[in-house]
């Protein structure tokens, strides 16, 4: 199976689920509702797809890394991807821990907001790598 074809769905689900988790987290915070199974499921799925996007990106583009490193923003994209992979694991760990350690709840809320913004930025970088530096030049060829 070509991992190049698996990476985009992981990325799009990571963005969508991170946004959904942010909305859910803010809703729970503003209404005073305690996190429940739905909250845990969205955290698990969001974390899973963030880690999946990082892993699939690393494996899928490893064979083309030499070409990709010629694109100036790719190194930022690659580094941020590795960071987000670890971030997804830590996010889930904080979510699992805040039921026992209440102070982690505030940290979790901040992490969800920061994580969504970072995933959104990462997606923008990836889109630029693909469309501005690969597809656009290919389309502009005579």
N, C-alpha and C. Protein backbone atom coordinates (compact mmCIF):
# COMPACT_ATOMS: atom_id res chain seq x y z
N UNK A 1 0.84 -1.18 0.00
CA UNK A 1 0.00 0.00 0.00
C UNK A 1 0.89 1.24 0.00
N UNK A 2 0.54 2.20 -0.82
CA UNK A 2 1.31 3.43 -0.87
C UNK A 2 0.90 4.34 0.26
N UNK A 3 1.85 4.63 1.13
CA UNK A 3 1.56 5.48 2.27
C UNK A 3 1.31 6.93 1.87
N UNK A 4 1.75 7.31 0.67
CA UNK A 4 1.45 8.66 0.20
C UNK A 4 -0.06 8.87 0.10
N UNK A 5 -0.79 7.81 -0.16
CA UNK A 5 -2.25 7.91 -0.28
C UNK A 5 -2.94 7.88 1.08
N UNK A 6 -2.28 7.38 2.09
CA UNK A 6 -2.86 7.27 3.44
C UNK A 6 -2.64 8.56 4.23
N UNK A 7 -1.55 9.27 3.94
CA UNK A 7 -1.21 10.46 4.71
C UNK A 7 -2.28 11.56 4.65
N UNK A 8 -2.79 11.95 3.48
CA UNK A 8 -3.78 13.04 3.45
C UNK A 8 -5.04 12.77 4.30
N UNK A 9 -5.64 11.57 4.26
CA UNK A 9 -6.80 11.37 5.14
C UNK A 9 -6.46 11.51 6.62
N UNK A 10 -5.29 11.01 7.03
CA UNK A 10 -4.89 11.16 8.42
C UNK A 10 -4.78 12.65 8.78
N UNK A 11 -4.21 13.43 7.88
CA UNK A 11 -4.04 14.87 8.12
C UNK A 11 -5.41 15.54 8.24
N UNK A 12 -6.29 15.26 7.31
CA UNK A 12 -7.60 15.93 7.33
C UNK A 12 -8.42 15.53 8.55
N UNK A 13 -8.37 14.26 8.93
CA UNK A 13 -9.06 13.85 10.15
C UNK A 13 -8.41 14.47 11.38
N UNK A 14 -7.09 14.60 11.40
CA UNK A 14 -6.41 15.23 12.54
C UNK A 14 -6.88 16.67 12.71
N UNK A 15 -7.01 17.39 11.61
CA UNK A 15 -7.48 18.78 11.68
C UNK A 15 -8.94 18.82 12.14
N UNK A 16 -9.79 18.02 11.52
CA UNK A 16 -11.21 18.04 11.86
C UNK A 16 -11.49 17.60 13.28
N UNK A 17 -10.83 16.54 13.71
CA UNK A 17 -11.06 16.04 15.07
C UNK A 17 -10.46 16.97 16.12
N UNK A 18 -9.35 17.63 15.80
CA UNK A 18 -8.78 18.61 16.73
C UNK A 18 -9.73 19.80 16.91
N UNK A 19 -10.35 20.22 15.81
CA UNK A 19 -11.34 21.30 15.89
C UNK A 19 -12.55 20.85 16.70
N UNK A 20 -13.04 19.66 16.43
CA UNK A 20 -14.20 19.14 17.17
C UNK A 20 -13.89 19.01 18.66
N UNK A 21 -12.70 18.55 18.99
CA UNK A 21 -12.30 18.45 20.39
C UNK A 21 -12.22 19.83 21.04
N UNK A 22 -11.72 20.82 20.32
CA UNK A 22 -11.66 22.18 20.84
C UNK A 22 -13.06 22.71 21.13
N UNK A 23 -13.97 22.52 20.19
CA UNK A 23 -15.35 22.97 20.39
C UNK A 23 -15.97 22.25 21.59
N UNK A 24 -15.79 20.96 21.66
CA UNK A 24 -16.33 20.16 22.77
C UNK A 24 -15.72 20.60 24.10
N UNK A 25 -14.43 20.79 24.14
CA UNK A 25 -13.75 21.22 25.37
C UNK A 25 -14.25 22.59 25.83
N UNK A 26 -14.38 23.52 24.90
CA UNK A 26 -14.87 24.85 25.26
C UNK A 26 -16.33 24.80 25.72
N UNK A 27 -17.13 23.97 25.06
CA UNK A 27 -18.52 23.80 25.49
C UNK A 27 -18.59 23.28 26.93
N UNK A 28 -17.81 22.24 27.21
CA UNK A 28 -17.80 21.67 28.56
C UNK A 28 -17.30 22.69 29.58
N UNK A 29 -16.29 23.47 29.21
CA UNK A 29 -15.74 24.47 30.15
C UNK A 29 -16.76 25.56 30.45
N UNK A 30 -17.41 26.08 29.40
CA UNK A 30 -18.35 27.19 29.60
C UNK A 30 -19.66 26.77 30.25
N UNK A 31 -20.07 25.52 30.04
CA UNK A 31 -21.31 25.06 30.67
C UNK A 31 -21.06 24.43 32.03
N UNK A 32 -19.82 24.19 32.38
CA UNK A 32 -19.49 23.56 33.66
C UNK A 32 -19.72 22.06 33.67
N UNK A 33 -19.97 21.50 32.50
CA UNK A 33 -20.20 20.06 32.40
C UNK A 33 -18.89 19.31 32.60
N UNK A 34 -18.95 18.22 33.32
CA UNK A 34 -17.78 17.39 33.55
C UNK A 34 -17.49 16.53 32.32
N UNK A 35 -16.21 16.37 31.99
CA UNK A 35 -15.85 15.52 30.85
C UNK A 35 -16.40 14.10 31.03
N UNK A 36 -16.93 13.56 29.95
CA UNK A 36 -17.54 12.23 29.99
C UNK A 36 -16.88 11.34 28.93
N UNK A 37 -17.54 10.25 28.61
CA UNK A 37 -16.97 9.32 27.62
C UNK A 37 -16.84 9.94 26.24
N UNK A 38 -17.81 10.77 25.86
CA UNK A 38 -17.73 11.44 24.57
C UNK A 38 -16.46 12.29 24.49
N UNK A 39 -16.19 13.01 25.55
CA UNK A 39 -14.98 13.84 25.64
C UNK A 39 -13.73 12.97 25.51
N UNK A 40 -13.73 11.86 26.18
CA UNK A 40 -12.59 10.93 26.12
C UNK A 40 -12.44 10.35 24.72
N UNK A 41 -13.54 9.99 24.10
CA UNK A 41 -13.49 9.42 22.75
C UNK A 41 -12.93 10.43 21.75
N UNK A 42 -13.37 11.68 21.84
CA UNK A 42 -12.86 12.70 20.92
C UNK A 42 -11.38 12.97 21.18
N UNK A 43 -10.97 12.94 22.44
CA UNK A 43 -9.55 13.11 22.75
C UNK A 43 -8.74 11.96 22.18
N UNK A 44 -9.24 10.76 22.37
CA UNK A 44 -8.54 9.57 21.85
C UNK A 44 -8.43 9.61 20.33
N UNK A 45 -9.53 9.91 19.65
CA UNK A 45 -9.51 9.96 18.19
C UNK A 45 -8.61 11.08 17.67
N UNK A 46 -8.71 12.24 18.29
CA UNK A 46 -7.88 13.36 17.88
C UNK A 46 -6.40 13.01 18.03
N UNK A 47 -6.04 12.47 19.19
CA UNK A 47 -4.65 12.08 19.44
C UNK A 47 -4.19 11.00 18.47
N UNK A 48 -5.05 10.03 18.24
CA UNK A 48 -4.72 8.93 17.33
C UNK A 48 -4.44 9.44 15.92
N UNK A 49 -5.27 10.34 15.43
CA UNK A 49 -5.07 10.84 14.07
C UNK A 49 -3.90 11.81 13.98
N UNK A 50 -3.61 12.55 15.05
CA UNK A 50 -2.42 13.41 15.04
C UNK A 50 -1.16 12.55 14.96
N UNK A 51 -1.10 11.52 15.79
CA UNK A 51 0.04 10.60 15.77
C UNK A 51 0.10 9.87 14.42
N UNK A 52 -1.05 9.46 13.91
CA UNK A 52 -1.10 8.78 12.62
C UNK A 52 -0.63 9.66 11.47
N UNK A 53 -1.00 10.93 11.52
CA UNK A 53 -0.56 11.87 10.48
C UNK A 53 0.96 12.05 10.53
N UNK A 54 1.49 12.17 11.74
CA UNK A 54 2.95 12.32 11.88
C UNK A 54 3.67 11.07 11.40
N UNK A 55 3.20 9.92 11.82
CA UNK A 55 3.85 8.66 11.45
C UNK A 55 3.73 8.39 9.95
N UNK A 56 2.55 8.59 9.39
CA UNK A 56 2.37 8.32 7.96
C UNK A 56 3.17 9.31 7.12
N UNK A 57 3.27 10.55 7.58
CA UNK A 57 4.08 11.53 6.86
C UNK A 57 5.54 11.17 6.88
N UNK A 58 6.02 10.74 8.02
CA UNK A 58 7.42 10.36 8.15
C UNK A 58 7.75 9.18 7.23
N UNK A 59 6.93 8.15 7.28
CA UNK A 59 7.19 6.94 6.50
C UNK A 59 6.95 7.18 5.01
N UNK A 60 5.86 7.88 4.67
CA UNK A 60 5.50 8.07 3.27
C UNK A 60 6.50 8.92 2.51
N UNK A 61 7.03 9.93 3.16
CA UNK A 61 7.89 10.86 2.45
C UNK A 61 9.37 10.57 2.63
N UNK A 62 9.69 9.52 3.37
CA UNK A 62 11.08 9.16 3.60
C UNK A 62 11.82 8.89 2.28
N UNK A 63 11.13 8.24 1.34
CA UNK A 63 11.77 7.90 0.06
C UNK A 63 11.98 9.13 -0.82
N UNK A 64 11.27 10.22 -0.54
CA UNK A 64 11.39 11.42 -1.36
C UNK A 64 12.01 12.58 -0.60
N UNK A 65 12.63 12.25 0.51
CA UNK A 65 13.14 13.29 1.41
C UNK A 65 14.17 14.20 0.75
N UNK A 66 15.01 13.65 -0.10
CA UNK A 66 16.03 14.47 -0.75
C UNK A 66 15.40 15.58 -1.59
N UNK A 67 14.35 15.24 -2.34
CA UNK A 67 13.65 16.25 -3.15
C UNK A 67 12.93 17.25 -2.25
N UNK A 68 12.31 16.74 -1.19
CA UNK A 68 11.52 17.61 -0.32
C UNK A 68 12.37 18.59 0.46
N UNK A 69 13.57 18.21 0.81
CA UNK A 69 14.43 19.13 1.57
C UNK A 69 14.92 20.31 0.73
N UNK A 70 14.71 20.25 -0.58
CA UNK A 70 15.01 21.40 -1.43
C UNK A 70 13.95 22.49 -1.28
N UNK A 71 12.78 22.11 -0.77
CA UNK A 71 11.70 23.06 -0.53
C UNK A 71 11.95 23.69 0.85
N UNK A 72 12.10 24.99 0.87
CA UNK A 72 12.54 25.69 2.07
C UNK A 72 11.67 25.41 3.30
N UNK A 73 10.36 25.39 3.15
CA UNK A 73 9.49 25.22 4.32
C UNK A 73 9.34 23.76 4.76
N UNK A 74 9.88 22.84 3.98
CA UNK A 74 9.68 21.43 4.33
C UNK A 74 10.32 21.07 5.67
N UNK A 75 11.47 21.62 5.98
CA UNK A 75 12.13 21.28 7.24
C UNK A 75 11.29 21.70 8.44
N UNK A 76 10.63 22.86 8.34
CA UNK A 76 9.72 23.29 9.40
C UNK A 76 8.55 22.33 9.48
N UNK A 77 8.01 21.96 8.33
CA UNK A 77 6.89 21.03 8.26
C UNK A 77 7.27 19.68 8.89
N UNK A 78 8.44 19.20 8.57
CA UNK A 78 8.90 17.92 9.09
C UNK A 78 9.12 17.98 10.61
N UNK A 79 9.77 19.01 11.07
CA UNK A 79 10.03 19.16 12.51
C UNK A 79 8.74 19.32 13.30
N UNK A 80 7.84 20.14 12.78
CA UNK A 80 6.56 20.33 13.46
C UNK A 80 5.76 19.03 13.48
N UNK A 81 5.86 18.25 12.42
CA UNK A 81 5.18 16.95 12.38
C UNK A 81 5.67 16.01 13.47
N UNK A 82 6.97 15.97 13.67
CA UNK A 82 7.54 15.12 14.73
C UNK A 82 7.09 15.62 16.10
N UNK A 83 7.11 16.94 16.27
CA UNK A 83 6.65 17.52 17.53
C UNK A 83 5.19 17.18 17.79
N UNK A 84 4.36 17.31 16.76
CA UNK A 84 2.93 17.03 16.93
C UNK A 84 2.65 15.56 17.21
N UNK A 85 3.45 14.68 16.65
CA UNK A 85 3.30 13.25 16.97
C UNK A 85 3.46 13.00 18.46
N UNK A 86 4.50 13.58 19.05
CA UNK A 86 4.71 13.45 20.50
C UNK A 86 3.63 14.21 21.27
N UNK A 87 3.23 15.34 20.75
CA UNK A 87 2.21 16.17 21.39
C UNK A 87 0.89 15.41 21.52
N UNK A 88 0.54 14.65 20.48
CA UNK A 88 -0.68 13.85 20.52
C UNK A 88 -0.68 12.84 21.66
N UNK A 89 0.47 12.23 21.89
CA UNK A 89 0.61 11.26 22.98
C UNK A 89 0.49 11.96 24.33
N UNK A 90 1.16 13.10 24.48
CA UNK A 90 1.11 13.85 25.73
C UNK A 90 -0.31 14.37 25.99
N UNK A 91 -0.98 14.83 24.95
CA UNK A 91 -2.36 15.31 25.09
C UNK A 91 -3.26 14.22 25.68
N UNK A 92 -3.14 13.03 25.15
CA UNK A 92 -3.94 11.91 25.65
C UNK A 92 -3.56 11.58 27.09
N UNK A 93 -2.29 11.61 27.40
CA UNK A 93 -1.83 11.32 28.77
C UNK A 93 -2.38 12.36 29.76
N UNK A 94 -2.37 13.63 29.37
CA UNK A 94 -2.91 14.68 30.24
C UNK A 94 -4.41 14.48 30.42
N UNK A 95 -5.10 14.11 29.34
CA UNK A 95 -6.55 13.87 29.45
C UNK A 95 -6.84 12.72 30.41
N UNK A 96 -6.07 11.66 30.32
CA UNK A 96 -6.27 10.52 31.21
C UNK A 96 -5.89 10.86 32.65
N UNK A 97 -4.97 11.81 32.82
CA UNK A 97 -4.51 12.16 34.15
C UNK A 97 -5.32 13.21 34.87
N UNK A 98 -6.10 14.02 34.14
CA UNK A 98 -6.76 15.12 34.84
C UNK A 98 -7.95 14.68 35.69
N UNK A 99 -8.40 13.47 35.52
CA UNK A 99 -9.46 12.98 36.42
C UNK A 99 -8.91 12.73 37.82
N UNK A 100 -7.63 12.40 37.90
CA UNK A 100 -6.98 12.19 39.20
C UNK A 100 -6.30 13.45 39.70
N UNK A 101 -5.76 14.22 38.80
CA UNK A 101 -5.05 15.46 39.16
C UNK A 101 -5.77 16.63 38.51
N UNK A 102 -6.66 17.25 39.25
CA UNK A 102 -7.53 18.28 38.72
C UNK A 102 -6.84 19.46 38.06
N UNK A 103 -5.64 19.82 38.53
CA UNK A 103 -4.94 20.97 37.94
C UNK A 103 -4.59 20.74 36.47
N UNK A 104 -4.55 19.49 36.05
CA UNK A 104 -4.23 19.19 34.65
C UNK A 104 -5.35 19.59 33.70
N UNK A 105 -6.54 19.81 34.22
CA UNK A 105 -7.67 20.19 33.36
C UNK A 105 -7.40 21.51 32.66
N UNK A 106 -6.87 22.49 33.38
CA UNK A 106 -6.56 23.79 32.76
C UNK A 106 -5.45 23.64 31.73
N UNK A 107 -4.48 22.82 32.05
CA UNK A 107 -3.39 22.56 31.10
C UNK A 107 -3.95 21.89 29.85
N UNK A 108 -4.88 20.95 30.04
CA UNK A 108 -5.49 20.25 28.92
C UNK A 108 -6.21 21.23 27.99
N UNK A 109 -6.98 22.14 28.56
CA UNK A 109 -7.70 23.11 27.74
C UNK A 109 -6.73 23.93 26.90
N UNK A 110 -5.66 24.41 27.51
CA UNK A 110 -4.65 25.16 26.78
C UNK A 110 -4.02 24.27 25.69
N UNK A 111 -3.73 23.02 26.03
CA UNK A 111 -3.11 22.12 25.07
C UNK A 111 -4.01 21.86 23.86
N UNK A 112 -5.31 21.75 24.10
CA UNK A 112 -6.25 21.53 23.00
C UNK A 112 -6.26 22.73 22.06
N UNK A 113 -6.29 23.93 22.64
CA UNK A 113 -6.28 25.14 21.82
C UNK A 113 -4.96 25.26 21.04
N UNK A 114 -3.84 25.12 21.74
CA UNK A 114 -2.54 25.19 21.08
C UNK A 114 -2.40 24.09 20.03
N UNK A 115 -2.83 22.88 20.37
CA UNK A 115 -2.74 21.75 19.45
C UNK A 115 -3.51 21.98 18.18
N UNK A 116 -4.73 22.52 18.30
CA UNK A 116 -5.53 22.79 17.12
C UNK A 116 -4.83 23.82 16.23
N UNK A 117 -4.33 24.89 16.83
CA UNK A 117 -3.65 25.92 16.03
C UNK A 117 -2.39 25.36 15.37
N UNK A 118 -1.66 24.52 16.09
CA UNK A 118 -0.44 23.92 15.53
C UNK A 118 -0.78 22.96 14.40
N UNK A 119 -1.83 22.16 14.56
CA UNK A 119 -2.25 21.22 13.51
C UNK A 119 -2.72 21.99 12.28
N UNK A 120 -3.44 23.08 12.51
CA UNK A 120 -3.91 23.92 11.40
C UNK A 120 -2.73 24.53 10.64
N UNK A 121 -1.74 25.03 11.38
CA UNK A 121 -0.54 25.58 10.75
C UNK A 121 0.22 24.50 9.99
N UNK A 122 0.32 23.33 10.59
CA UNK A 122 0.99 22.19 9.96
C UNK A 122 0.30 21.83 8.64
N UNK A 123 -1.02 21.81 8.66
CA UNK A 123 -1.77 21.51 7.44
C UNK A 123 -1.53 22.56 6.36
N UNK A 124 -1.43 23.82 6.78
CA UNK A 124 -1.15 24.89 5.83
C UNK A 124 0.24 24.72 5.20
N UNK A 125 1.21 24.37 6.03
CA UNK A 125 2.56 24.12 5.50
C UNK A 125 2.55 22.94 4.52
N UNK A 126 1.88 21.88 4.90
CA UNK A 126 1.80 20.70 4.02
C UNK A 126 1.11 21.01 2.71
N UNK A 127 0.04 21.80 2.79
CA UNK A 127 -0.65 22.21 1.57
C UNK A 127 0.24 23.03 0.66
N UNK A 128 1.03 23.91 1.26
CA UNK A 128 1.97 24.71 0.48
C UNK A 128 3.04 23.84 -0.17
N UNK A 129 3.55 22.86 0.58
CA UNK A 129 4.56 21.96 0.02
C UNK A 129 3.99 21.23 -1.20
N UNK A 130 2.79 20.71 -1.06
CA UNK A 130 2.20 19.93 -2.15
C UNK A 130 1.76 20.81 -3.31
N UNK A 131 0.97 21.84 -3.03
CA UNK A 131 0.37 22.60 -4.13
C UNK A 131 1.30 23.67 -4.71
N UNK A 132 1.95 24.45 -3.85
CA UNK A 132 2.80 25.52 -4.36
C UNK A 132 4.10 25.02 -4.96
N UNK A 133 4.64 23.92 -4.41
CA UNK A 133 5.96 23.48 -4.84
C UNK A 133 5.95 22.21 -5.69
N UNK A 134 4.83 21.54 -5.78
CA UNK A 134 4.78 20.31 -6.58
C UNK A 134 3.72 20.38 -7.67
N UNK A 135 2.48 20.61 -7.29
CA UNK A 135 1.38 20.60 -8.26
C UNK A 135 1.44 21.81 -9.17
N UNK A 136 1.59 22.99 -8.62
CA UNK A 136 1.60 24.22 -9.42
C UNK A 136 2.71 24.20 -10.48
N UNK A 137 3.96 23.88 -10.12
CA UNK A 137 4.99 23.80 -11.17
C UNK A 137 4.68 22.75 -12.23
N UNK A 138 4.09 21.64 -11.81
CA UNK A 138 3.73 20.59 -12.76
C UNK A 138 2.66 21.08 -13.72
N UNK A 139 1.67 21.82 -13.20
CA UNK A 139 0.60 22.35 -14.05
C UNK A 139 1.08 23.44 -14.99
N UNK A 140 2.10 24.16 -14.57
CA UNK A 140 2.61 25.29 -15.38
C UNK A 140 3.60 24.85 -16.46
N UNK A 141 3.94 23.57 -16.50
CA UNK A 141 4.85 23.08 -17.54
C UNK A 141 4.14 23.14 -18.89
N UNK A 142 4.89 23.50 -19.94
CA UNK A 142 4.25 23.57 -21.27
C UNK A 142 3.90 22.21 -21.83
